[in-house]
Amino acid sequence: MTNFSNWILGFCAAVMGLGGLFVASHAGYGVGYYGGLAVFVFAVLFVFFLIRTTLDHEEPGH
């Protein structure tokens, strides 16, 4: 597991995304709502990017 740092970054991004959803749910409307949703979308896209990066750098046959 040479890309262990990607797992750590992915976990932190997932926690950040959940935090964004909590902010959006408590804000109700306005900047807090859209900012929380933007943080969540960014976190999801970042996790998918990390998955792609991790799988692209694996050795063939493993």
C-alpha atoms as a PDB file:
ATOM      1  CA  MET A   1       0.000   0.000   0.000  1.00  0.00           C
ATOM      2  CA  THR A   2       2.267   2.747  -1.277  1.00  0.00           C
ATOM      3  CA  ASN A   3      -0.500   5.357  -1.577  1.00  0.00           C
ATOM      4  CA  PHE A   4      -1.487   5.395   2.085  1.00  0.00           C
ATOM      5  CA  SER A   5      -1.458   9.203   2.109  1.00  0.00           C
ATOM      6  CA  ASN A   6      -4.291   9.167  -0.443  1.00  0.00           C
ATOM      7  CA  TRP A   7      -6.379   7.143   2.013  1.00  0.00           C
ATOM      8  CA  ILE A   8      -5.734   9.695   4.743  1.00  0.00           C
ATOM      9  CA  LEU A   9      -6.597  12.598   2.435  1.00  0.00           C
ATOM     10  CA  GLY A  10      -9.745  10.771   1.323  1.00  0.00           C
ATOM     11  CA  PHE A  11     -10.872  10.250   4.905  1.00  0.00           C
ATOM     12  CA  CYS A  12     -10.260  13.912   5.733  1.00  0.00           C
ATOM     13  CA  ALA A  13     -12.156  14.996   2.625  1.00  0.00           C
ATOM     14  CA  ALA A  14     -15.091  12.750   3.554  1.00  0.00           C
ATOM     15  CA  VAL A  15     -15.217  14.270   7.047  1.00  0.00           C
ATOM     16  CA  MET A  16     -15.024  17.740   5.500  1.00  0.00           C
ATOM     17  CA  GLY A  17     -17.883  16.870   3.140  1.00  0.00           C
ATOM     18  CA  LEU A  18     -20.064  15.685   6.012  1.00  0.00           C
ATOM     19  CA  GLY A  19     -19.252  18.898   7.850  1.00  0.00           C
ATOM     20  CA  GLY A  20     -20.381  20.853   4.801  1.00  0.00           C
ATOM     21  CA  LEU A  21     -23.682  18.993   4.800  1.00  0.00           C
ATOM     22  CA  PHE A  22     -24.202  19.792   8.479  1.00  0.00           C
ATOM     23  CA  VAL A  23     -23.477  23.469   7.836  1.00  0.00           C
ATOM     24  CA  ALA A  24     -25.929  23.502   4.919  1.00  0.00           C
ATOM     25  CA  SER A  25     -28.630  21.772   6.936  1.00  0.00           C
ATOM     26  CA  HIS A  26     -28.378  24.236   9.819  1.00  0.00           C
ATOM     27  CA  ALA A  27     -28.057  27.372   7.668  1.00  0.00           C
ATOM     28  CA  GLY A  28     -31.384  26.935   5.870  1.00  0.00           C
ATOM     29  CA  TYR A  29     -30.707  29.503   3.138  1.00  0.00           C
ATOM     30  CA  GLY A  30     -28.129  31.977   1.869  1.00  0.00           C
ATOM     31  CA  VAL A  31     -24.360  31.795   1.870  1.00  0.00           C
ATOM     32  CA  GLY A  32     -24.139  29.116   4.567  1.00  0.00           C
ATOM     33  CA  TYR A  33     -26.461  26.806   2.656  1.00  0.00           C
ATOM     34  CA  TYR A  34     -24.764  27.143  -0.726  1.00  0.00           C
ATOM     35  CA  GLY A  35     -21.301  27.216   0.826  1.00  0.00           C
ATOM     36  CA  GLY A  36     -21.987  23.968   2.677  1.00  0.00           C
ATOM     37  CA  LEU A  37     -23.236  22.310  -0.479  1.00  0.00           C
ATOM     38  CA  ALA A  38     -20.206  23.568  -2.398  1.00  0.00           C
ATOM     39  CA  VAL A  39     -17.871  22.096   0.237  1.00  0.00           C
ATOM     40  CA  PHE A  40     -19.726  18.773  -0.002  1.00  0.00           C
ATOM     41  CA  VAL A  41     -19.526  18.672  -3.816  1.00  0.00           C
ATOM     42  CA  PHE A  42     -15.835  19.573  -3.716  1.00  0.00           C
ATOM     43  CA  ALA A  43     -15.168  16.806  -1.178  1.00  0.00           C
ATOM     44  CA  VAL A  44     -16.982  14.186  -3.275  1.00  0.00           C
ATOM     45  CA  LEU A  45     -15.114  15.188  -6.442  1.00  0.00           C
ATOM     46  CA  PHE A  46     -11.814  15.197  -4.546  1.00  0.00           C
ATOM     47  CA  VAL A  47     -12.423  11.678  -3.214  1.00  0.00           C
ATOM     48  CA  PHE A  48     -13.196  10.443  -6.741  1.00  0.00           C
ATOM     49  CA  PHE A  49      -9.989  12.119  -7.951  1.00  0.00           C
ATOM     50  CA  LEU A  50      -8.007  10.368  -5.218  1.00  0.00           C
ATOM     51  CA  ILE A  51      -9.551   7.016  -6.140  1.00  0.00           C
ATOM     52  CA  ARG A  52      -8.597   7.534  -9.780  1.00  0.00           C
ATOM     53  CA  THR A  53      -5.071   8.593  -8.860  1.00  0.00           C
ATOM     54  CA  THR A  54      -4.587   5.626  -6.535  1.00  0.00           C
ATOM     55  CA  LEU A  55      -5.836   3.079  -9.049  1.00  0.00           C
ATOM     56  CA  ASP A  56      -3.793   4.571 -11.902  1.00  0.00           C
ATOM     57  CA  HIS A  57      -0.554   4.143  -9.952  1.00  0.00           C
ATOM     58  CA  GLU A  58      -1.024   0.499  -8.931  1.00  0.00           C
ATOM     59  CA  GLU A  59       1.294  -2.065 -10.386  1.00  0.00           C
ATOM     60  CA  PRO A  60      -0.240  -4.428 -12.960  1.00  0.00           C
ATOM     61  CA  GLY A  61      -1.146  -7.817 -11.579  1.00  0.00           C
ATOM     62  CA  HIS A  62      -1.738  -6.683  -7.997  1.00  0.00           C
END
